[in-house]
Protein backbone atom coordinates (compact mmCIF):
# COMPACT_ATOMS: atom_id res chain seq x y z
CA MET A 1 6.05 -29.38 -19.87
CA ALA A 2 2.85 -28.04 -18.33
CA THR A 3 -0.25 -27.44 -20.44
CA ALA A 4 -2.70 -24.59 -19.97
CA THR A 5 -5.52 -27.00 -19.22
CA GLY A 6 -3.36 -28.90 -16.73
CA LEU A 7 -2.54 -25.70 -14.89
CA LEU A 8 -6.21 -24.73 -14.87
CA ASP A 9 -7.05 -28.12 -13.42
CA ASP A 10 -4.72 -27.32 -10.53
CA LEU A 11 -6.92 -24.31 -9.74
CA ALA A 12 -10.27 -26.03 -10.17
CA GLY A 13 -11.00 -26.40 -6.47
CA ILE A 14 -10.02 -22.90 -5.35
CA GLY A 15 -12.95 -20.58 -4.71
CA ARG A 16 -15.49 -22.86 -6.33
CA ASP A 17 -19.15 -22.67 -5.32
CA LEU A 18 -20.08 -26.33 -5.18
CA THR A 19 -23.80 -25.56 -5.20
CA GLY A 20 -23.89 -23.32 -8.27
CA GLY A 21 -20.72 -24.44 -10.01
CA GLY A 22 -19.26 -20.97 -10.43
CA TYR A 23 -16.26 -19.32 -8.80
CA HIS A 24 -16.09 -16.68 -6.10
CA ARG A 25 -12.54 -15.34 -6.26
CA LEU A 26 -12.85 -11.80 -4.95
CA ALA A 27 -9.91 -9.49 -4.30
CA TRP A 28 -7.99 -10.10 -1.08
CA GLU A 29 -10.29 -12.88 0.11
CA ARG A 30 -8.98 -16.34 0.98
CA PRO A 31 -9.38 -17.90 -2.50
CA THR A 32 -7.40 -15.15 -4.22
CA LEU A 33 -4.72 -15.35 -1.54
CA GLU A 34 -4.44 -19.07 -2.32
CA LEU A 35 -4.23 -18.27 -6.02
CA ARG A 36 -1.43 -15.79 -5.34
CA GLU A 37 0.45 -18.51 -3.49
CA TRP A 38 -0.10 -20.86 -6.43
CA PHE A 39 1.24 -18.26 -8.88
CA ALA A 40 4.36 -17.63 -6.80
CA ALA A 41 4.97 -21.37 -6.46
CA GLU A 42 4.56 -22.03 -10.21
CA ALA A 43 6.88 -19.15 -11.05
CA GLY A 44 9.43 -20.36 -8.51
CA ARG A 45 9.24 -23.86 -9.95
CA ARG A 46 10.36 -22.37 -13.27
CA GLY A 47 13.13 -20.33 -11.70
CA LEU A 48 11.35 -17.05 -12.43
CA ASP A 49 12.05 -14.11 -10.14
CA VAL A 50 8.76 -13.11 -8.47
CA THR A 51 8.24 -9.51 -7.43
CA GLU A 52 5.15 -7.74 -6.12
CA ASP A 53 4.34 -4.06 -6.31
CA GLY A 54 2.55 -2.10 -3.61
CA ASN A 55 -0.81 -2.69 -5.30
CA GLY A 56 -0.65 -6.46 -5.08
CA ASN A 57 0.26 -7.09 -8.72
CA GLN A 58 2.57 -10.10 -9.00
CA LEU A 59 5.28 -10.24 -11.66
CA ALA A 60 7.38 -13.28 -12.57
CA TRP A 61 10.54 -12.31 -14.49
CA TRP A 62 12.38 -14.47 -17.01
CA GLY A 63 15.52 -12.35 -17.25
CA SER A 64 15.99 -8.78 -16.07
CA GLY A 65 16.43 -5.32 -17.50
CA ASP A 66 14.42 -2.84 -19.55
CA ASP A 67 12.19 -3.12 -22.63
CA ALA A 68 10.59 -6.27 -21.19
CA LEU A 69 7.71 -8.09 -22.87
CA LEU A 70 4.81 -8.39 -20.42
CA ILE A 71 2.32 -11.26 -20.73
CA GLY A 72 -0.25 -12.66 -18.30
CA SER A 73 -3.67 -11.65 -17.01
CA HIS A 74 -5.54 -11.99 -13.67
CA LEU A 75 -6.80 -14.73 -11.33
CA ASP A 76 -9.76 -13.08 -9.58
CA SER A 77 -13.36 -13.54 -10.76
CA VAL A 78 -16.82 -12.05 -10.57
CA ARG A 79 -19.30 -13.66 -8.17
CA GLY A 80 -20.36 -16.95 -9.70
CA GLY A 81 -17.86 -16.56 -12.55
CA GLY A 82 -16.31 -19.07 -14.89
CA ALA A 83 -12.98 -20.87 -14.75
CA PHE A 84 -11.36 -19.24 -17.80
CA ASP A 85 -11.80 -15.46 -17.54
CA GLY A 86 -8.35 -14.38 -16.38
CA PRO A 87 -6.81 -17.70 -15.31
CA LEU A 88 -6.55 -18.90 -18.91
CA GLY A 89 -4.23 -15.97 -19.66
CA VAL A 90 -2.02 -16.65 -16.65
CA ALA A 91 -1.89 -20.42 -17.23
CA SER A 92 -1.22 -19.96 -20.96
CA SER A 93 1.63 -17.56 -20.21
CA LEU A 94 3.33 -20.06 -17.91
CA ALA A 95 2.76 -22.84 -20.45
CA ALA A 96 4.19 -20.67 -23.25
CA VAL A 97 7.34 -20.12 -21.19
CA ASP A 98 7.62 -23.91 -20.82
CA THR A 99 7.09 -24.40 -24.55
CA LEU A 100 9.83 -21.95 -25.48
CA ARG A 101 12.31 -23.26 -22.94
CA ASP A 102 11.76 -26.85 -24.05
CA ALA A 103 12.51 -25.71 -27.60
CA GLY A 104 15.77 -24.09 -26.45
CA PHE A 105 14.57 -20.54 -27.05
CA THR A 106 16.49 -17.75 -25.30
CA PRO A 107 14.69 -14.40 -25.36
CA SER A 108 16.51 -11.23 -26.38
CA ARG A 109 14.52 -9.20 -23.86
CA PRO A 110 13.06 -10.02 -20.44
CA ILE A 111 9.73 -11.87 -20.41
CA VAL A 112 7.41 -11.02 -17.51
CA VAL A 113 4.32 -13.01 -16.53
CA ALA A 114 1.79 -10.92 -14.62
CA ASN A 115 -1.02 -11.71 -12.22
CA PHE A 116 -2.89 -8.43 -11.90
CA THR A 117 -4.92 -7.98 -8.76
CA ASP A 118 -8.64 -7.16 -8.66
CA GLU A 119 -9.26 -6.95 -12.39
CA GLU A 120 -12.96 -7.70 -12.10
CA GLY A 121 -13.78 -5.16 -9.40
CA ALA A 122 -16.37 -7.59 -8.02
CA ARG A 123 -15.67 -6.79 -4.38
CA PHE A 124 -14.99 -3.04 -4.33
CA GLY A 125 -16.88 -1.88 -7.42
CA VAL A 126 -14.02 -0.51 -9.54
CA ALA A 127 -12.54 -2.71 -12.26
CA CYS A 128 -8.82 -3.17 -12.93
CA VAL A 129 -7.78 -1.70 -9.60
CA GLY A 130 -4.29 -3.20 -9.74
CA SER A 131 -3.46 -1.92 -13.22
CA ARG A 132 -5.20 1.42 -12.63
CA LEU A 133 -3.09 2.02 -9.53
CA ALA A 134 0.11 0.86 -11.23
CA THR A 135 -0.42 3.28 -14.12
CA GLY A 136 -1.56 6.17 -11.91
CA VAL A 137 -5.06 6.24 -13.39
CA LEU A 138 -6.62 5.60 -9.98
CA ALA A 139 -5.63 7.80 -7.03
CA PRO A 140 -4.38 5.79 -4.01
CA GLU A 141 -6.59 7.68 -1.56
CA ARG A 142 -9.71 6.91 -3.56
CA ALA A 143 -8.77 3.26 -4.02
CA LEU A 144 -8.02 2.67 -0.36
CA SER A 145 -11.35 4.16 0.69
CA LEU A 146 -13.41 1.86 -1.55
CA ARG A 147 -15.73 -0.36 0.50
CA ASP A 148 -17.25 -3.76 -0.10
CA ASP A 149 -20.81 -4.72 0.81
CA ASP A 150 -19.77 -5.44 4.39
CA GLY A 151 -18.20 -1.99 4.80
CA THR A 152 -14.61 -3.27 4.68
CA THR A 153 -12.30 -0.81 2.94
CA LEU A 154 -9.69 -1.87 0.41
CA ALA A 155 -7.05 -0.68 2.85
CA GLU A 156 -8.42 -2.97 5.55
CA ALA A 157 -8.68 -5.90 3.14
CA MET A 158 -5.10 -5.45 1.95
CA ARG A 159 -3.83 -5.26 5.50
CA ALA A 160 -5.70 -8.45 6.39
CA GLY A 161 -4.15 -10.11 3.33
CA GLY A 162 -0.62 -9.22 4.43
CA ALA A 163 -0.10 -6.18 2.18
CA ASP A 164 0.82 -2.64 3.24
CA PRO A 165 -1.76 -0.06 2.04
CA ALA A 166 0.84 2.69 2.42
CA ALA A 167 2.72 1.21 -0.58
CA VAL A 168 -0.21 1.64 -3.00
CA GLY A 169 0.43 3.85 -6.04
CA PRO A 170 2.21 4.12 -9.41
CA ALA A 171 4.57 1.19 -10.00
CA ASP A 172 8.27 1.49 -10.83
CA TRP A 173 8.25 -1.73 -12.88
CA LEU A 174 6.12 -0.14 -15.58
CA ALA A 175 9.13 1.86 -16.80
CA SER A 176 10.85 -1.44 -17.67
CA ILE A 177 8.00 -2.70 -19.89
CA GLY A 178 8.31 -2.28 -23.64
CA ALA A 179 5.11 -4.06 -24.72
CA PHE A 180 2.19 -6.03 -23.26
CA VAL A 181 0.29 -8.92 -24.86
CA GLU A 182 -2.63 -10.33 -22.86
CA LEU A 183 -4.28 -13.63 -23.76
CA HIS A 184 -7.92 -14.02 -22.72
CA VAL A 185 -10.86 -16.29 -23.34
CA GLU A 186 -13.29 -14.63 -25.74
CA GLN A 187 -16.38 -13.30 -24.00
CA GLY A 188 -18.65 -13.48 -27.01
CA ARG A 189 -19.35 -15.40 -30.21
CA ALA A 190 -17.14 -13.82 -32.89
CA LEU A 191 -14.67 -16.72 -33.06
CA ILE A 192 -17.50 -19.25 -33.07
CA ASP A 193 -18.95 -17.52 -36.10
CA SER A 194 -15.59 -17.14 -37.88
CA GLY A 195 -14.44 -20.69 -37.15
CA ASP A 196 -11.09 -19.58 -35.69
CA ALA A 197 -9.49 -20.87 -32.49
CA VAL A 198 -7.57 -17.63 -31.87
CA GLY A 199 -8.28 -13.99 -32.65
CA VAL A 200 -6.62 -10.62 -32.11
CA ALA A 201 -8.42 -7.77 -30.36
CA SER A 202 -8.84 -4.59 -32.38
CA ALA A 203 -10.42 -2.30 -29.77
CA ILE A 204 -12.38 -2.11 -26.51
CA TRP A 205 -15.62 -0.18 -26.29
CA PRO A 206 -15.76 2.59 -23.68
CA HIS A 207 -17.68 1.51 -20.62
CA GLY A 208 -18.72 2.82 -17.25
CA ARG A 209 -20.13 1.83 -13.88
CA TYR A 210 -22.69 4.06 -12.20
CA ARG A 211 -24.56 3.98 -8.88
CA LEU A 212 -28.25 4.84 -9.01
CA ASP A 213 -29.77 5.96 -5.69
CA LEU A 214 -33.56 6.02 -5.55
CA HIS A 215 -35.13 7.67 -2.51
CA GLY A 216 -38.73 7.10 -1.43
CA GLN A 217 -40.87 6.86 1.69
CA GLY A 218 -40.78 3.73 3.80
CA ASN A 219 -44.18 2.50 4.91
CA HIS A 220 -46.29 -0.51 5.83
CA ALA A 221 -46.93 -2.98 3.01
CA GLY A 222 -50.31 -3.99 4.33
CA THR A 223 -51.90 -0.69 5.29
CA THR A 224 -50.66 1.79 2.68
CA ALA A 225 -52.91 2.18 -0.34
CA MET A 226 -51.19 1.77 -3.68
CA THR A 227 -52.11 5.33 -4.61
CA ASP A 228 -50.49 6.70 -1.43
CA ARG A 229 -47.09 5.10 -1.94
CA HIS A 230 -43.74 6.66 -2.82
CA ASP A 231 -42.07 3.38 -3.69
CA PRO A 232 -38.50 3.55 -5.06
CA MET A 233 -38.77 -0.07 -6.17
CA LEU A 234 -41.27 0.97 -8.82
CA THR A 235 -38.81 3.59 -10.03
CA TYR A 236 -36.10 0.97 -10.11
CA ALA A 237 -38.29 -1.29 -12.24
CA ALA A 238 -38.83 1.60 -14.63
CA ALA A 239 -35.06 2.22 -14.75
CA VAL A 240 -34.37 -1.39 -15.69
CA LEU A 241 -36.91 -1.30 -18.50
CA ALA A 242 -35.65 2.10 -19.68
CA SER A 243 -32.05 0.85 -19.81
CA ALA A 244 -33.02 -2.25 -21.78
CA ALA A 245 -35.03 -0.20 -24.27
CA ALA A 246 -32.34 2.45 -24.74
CA ALA A 247 -29.57 -0.10 -25.28
CA SER A 248 -31.59 -2.40 -27.52
CA GLU A 249 -32.62 0.40 -29.85
CA THR A 250 -28.98 1.41 -30.44
CA ALA A 251 -27.19 -1.99 -30.27
CA ARG A 252 -25.36 -0.83 -27.14
CA ARG A 253 -25.19 -2.47 -23.71
CA ALA A 254 -26.86 -1.54 -20.40
CA THR A 255 -27.17 -3.85 -17.42
CA PHE A 256 -28.41 -3.56 -13.86
CA GLY A 257 -26.67 -6.53 -12.25
CA ARG A 258 -26.64 -5.54 -8.61
CA VAL A 259 -29.28 -3.99 -6.34
CA ARG A 260 -29.61 -3.23 -2.63
CA VAL A 261 -32.94 -2.50 -0.94
CA ALA A 262 -33.38 -0.76 2.40
CA PRO A 263 -34.63 -1.75 4.86
CA GLY A 264 -35.02 -5.07 3.03
CA SER A 265 -38.14 -6.23 4.84
CA THR A 266 -40.77 -8.30 3.03
CA ASN A 267 -43.67 -6.42 4.61
CA SER A 268 -42.23 -2.92 4.21
CA ILE A 269 -42.25 -0.48 1.32
CA PRO A 270 -38.56 0.35 0.72
CA VAL A 271 -37.23 3.73 1.74
CA GLN A 272 -34.29 3.47 -0.67
CA VAL A 273 -33.11 1.34 -3.55
CA THR A 274 -29.48 1.46 -4.68
CA ALA A 275 -28.61 -0.18 -7.97
CA TRP A 276 -25.49 -0.35 -10.13
CA LEU A 277 -25.60 0.25 -13.87
CA ASP A 278 -23.00 -1.13 -16.27
CA ALA A 279 -23.17 0.72 -19.61
CA ARG A 280 -21.09 0.24 -22.79
CA ALA A 281 -21.15 1.80 -26.24
CA GLU A 282 -19.06 2.22 -29.37
CA SER A 283 -17.82 5.73 -28.48
CA GLU A 284 -17.57 8.09 -25.53
CA GLU A 285 -20.31 10.27 -27.02
CA ALA A 286 -22.59 7.28 -27.50
CA LEU A 287 -21.94 6.11 -23.94
CA ALA A 288 -22.75 9.54 -22.50
CA GLY A 289 -25.92 9.69 -24.59
CA LEU A 290 -27.00 6.24 -23.44
CA VAL A 291 -26.52 7.05 -19.76
CA ASP A 292 -28.21 10.46 -20.12
CA ARG A 293 -31.26 8.86 -21.68
CA ILE A 294 -31.51 6.20 -18.97
CA LEU A 295 -31.25 8.85 -16.26
CA SER A 296 -33.81 11.09 -17.96
CA ASP A 297 -36.30 8.23 -18.30
CA THR A 298 -35.68 7.19 -14.71
CA ARG A 299 -36.25 10.70 -13.36
CA ARG A 300 -39.48 10.94 -15.34
CA ALA A 301 -40.65 7.73 -13.69
CA ALA A 302 -39.46 8.99 -10.29
CA ALA A 303 -41.59 12.11 -10.64
CA GLY A 304 -44.62 9.96 -11.30
CA HIS A 305 -43.92 7.77 -8.24
CA GLY A 306 -43.11 10.62 -5.89
CA THR A 307 -39.50 9.44 -5.50
CA ARG A 308 -36.10 10.99 -6.22
CA ALA A 309 -33.29 9.63 -8.45
CA GLU A 310 -29.56 10.41 -8.26
CA LEU A 311 -26.84 8.94 -10.48
CA THR A 312 -23.16 8.82 -9.46
CA GLU A 313 -20.35 7.88 -11.83
CA GLU A 314 -18.08 5.36 -10.12
CA SER A 315 -15.69 4.60 -12.97
CA VAL A 316 -15.53 5.24 -16.71
CA THR A 317 -12.97 3.77 -19.08
CA SER A 318 -12.44 5.46 -22.43
CA ALA A 319 -12.35 3.63 -25.73
CA VAL A 320 -9.17 1.69 -26.37
CA THR A 321 -7.72 1.12 -29.84
CA PHE A 322 -4.84 -1.29 -29.48
CA ASP A 323 -1.49 -0.27 -30.94
CA PRO A 324 -2.13 -0.54 -34.70
CA GLY A 325 1.38 -1.62 -35.59
CA LEU A 326 1.54 -4.34 -32.95
CA ARG A 327 -2.07 -5.44 -33.48
CA ASP A 328 -1.71 -5.78 -37.26
CA ARG A 329 1.68 -7.45 -36.95
CA LEU A 330 0.29 -10.15 -34.66
CA ALA A 331 -2.82 -10.71 -36.75
CA THR A 332 -0.65 -11.25 -39.82
CA LEU A 333 1.79 -13.46 -37.92
CA LEU A 334 -0.98 -15.72 -36.63
CA GLY A 335 -3.32 -15.48 -39.60
CA ALA A 336 -5.98 -14.53 -37.10
CA PRO A 337 -9.06 -12.31 -37.46
CA GLN A 338 -9.35 -9.02 -35.62
CA LEU A 339 -12.39 -8.35 -33.45
CA PRO A 340 -13.56 -5.60 -31.10
CA THR A 341 -14.85 -6.33 -27.61
CA GLY A 342 -17.17 -4.71 -25.14
CA ALA A 343 -15.33 -6.26 -22.17
CA GLY A 344 -12.72 -4.35 -20.19
CA HIS A 345 -9.26 -5.74 -19.45
CA ASP A 346 -5.98 -4.79 -17.80
CA ALA A 347 -4.64 -4.53 -21.37
CA GLY A 348 -7.05 -1.67 -21.91
CA ILE A 349 -5.55 0.20 -18.96
CA LEU A 350 -1.90 -0.40 -19.89
CA ALA A 351 -2.55 0.51 -23.53
CA SER A 352 -2.19 4.19 -22.63
CA ARG A 353 1.35 3.58 -21.35
CA VAL A 354 2.92 0.85 -23.52
CA PRO A 355 2.23 -0.76 -26.92
CA THR A 356 -0.42 -3.34 -26.12
CA ALA A 357 -2.26 -6.16 -27.89
CA MET A 358 -4.67 -8.94 -26.94
CA LEU A 359 -5.21 -12.51 -28.11
CA PHE A 360 -8.60 -14.19 -27.71
CA VAL A 361 -9.23 -17.94 -27.46
CA ARG A 362 -12.53 -19.30 -28.74
CA ASN A 363 -15.31 -19.91 -26.23
CA PRO A 364 -17.77 -22.43 -27.74
CA SER A 365 -20.47 -21.56 -25.22
CA GLY A 366 -20.42 -17.87 -26.09
CA ILE A 367 -21.04 -17.32 -22.36
CA SER A 368 -18.80 -15.54 -19.87
CA HIS A 369 -19.02 -14.39 -16.25
CA ALA A 370 -21.00 -17.58 -15.59
CA PRO A 371 -20.19 -21.25 -14.90
CA GLU A 372 -20.89 -22.19 -18.56
CA GLU A 373 -17.84 -20.20 -19.74
CA TYR A 374 -15.52 -22.63 -21.52
CA ALA A 375 -12.65 -23.22 -23.91
CA GLU A 376 -11.88 -26.58 -25.51
CA PRO A 377 -8.51 -28.10 -24.50
CA ALA A 378 -7.37 -28.07 -28.14
CA ASP A 379 -8.22 -24.36 -28.42
CA CYS A 380 -6.43 -23.62 -25.14
CA GLU A 381 -3.30 -25.26 -26.53
CA ALA A 382 -3.73 -23.35 -29.80
CA GLY A 383 -3.73 -20.22 -27.65
CA VAL A 384 -0.51 -21.29 -25.95
CA ALA A 385 1.09 -21.99 -29.32
CA ALA A 386 -0.03 -18.59 -30.60
CA LEU A 387 1.33 -16.81 -27.53
CA ALA A 388 4.63 -18.67 -27.82
CA GLU A 389 4.85 -17.62 -31.47
CA VAL A 390 4.16 -14.02 -30.47
CA ILE A 391 6.98 -14.16 -27.90
CA ARG A 392 9.34 -15.56 -30.52
CA GLU A 393 8.40 -12.73 -32.84
CA LEU A 394 8.72 -9.95 -30.27
CA ALA A 395 11.56 -11.27 -28.13
């Protein structure tokens, strides 16, 4: 019988940055293609029937028919990410299947292990692309036109990875799913503070990704007086400080984690700065207010620097409250605390279509999206045991 940590060990060398210790597993690049091969092989080793929809989502079926119980997560990562965000859910799902089979359990409904593609959105800028396309939340034409930093479109990347972009769109398999339970490493400290190995998600904060374009006047760094400059980098600095102040005052979240400077010359004043804002809040109204304030403060700074600021919404996900009946049932079953999260997940996308719940496994570092992300082996196995118990209860 495989363990979750043993399966994770099998993946340890795929997409790893040996200099920084993190993982670079971006959608449709070589490491994720290797991970897809690993998933298909592990499913085949268990006699599961592997199917793939037109969006690249992989599904491994234990049984067939309708009203299936979907489990699983994703295998891609952010740039420099940790080993547990996503893969723990996939590995735990396979290990839970092993646990149940070894115990002689026969499910009363099909069990489906999923590997959703491009959950992080690290390459093309939109999170949960695979689940958004499958549910019809993301239009195929928009998805296929998304570009990475090198100008490669999603359509081109899929084609290079052996997939047919013409098949992208709402997935037929979704009609056969009766419920979804996603296991995930916790991306915070709630379970550290409560002393529990496993928790149940109560809700996901609404969150959005926005592109901020700051336009200025390129010029010579050595000959242009400071008072004569129209430097968009100064406006960008003001935007970062404004976002930190606005979020800190309201216990919300605002992060500029990616920036591009043109022309990118050390001895030139930039002509344009493009930065991406990740914003999260407890409600849609609070999120809109947070973003409006950041933009207002940025435009005020732009006026003072003689630059111009434009904000474009790239994706916004509404608040998700997980199915109360399923959520409360699982929390009672497991004796586990309920906790909200500010992180987005495929479960948050599917929650609008099927009853959905999430299990969290304790992360003693309290760190995620970084190499220090971790889960103790004993906690990983507690997560597998909890997921197996959930399958027994629901199937």
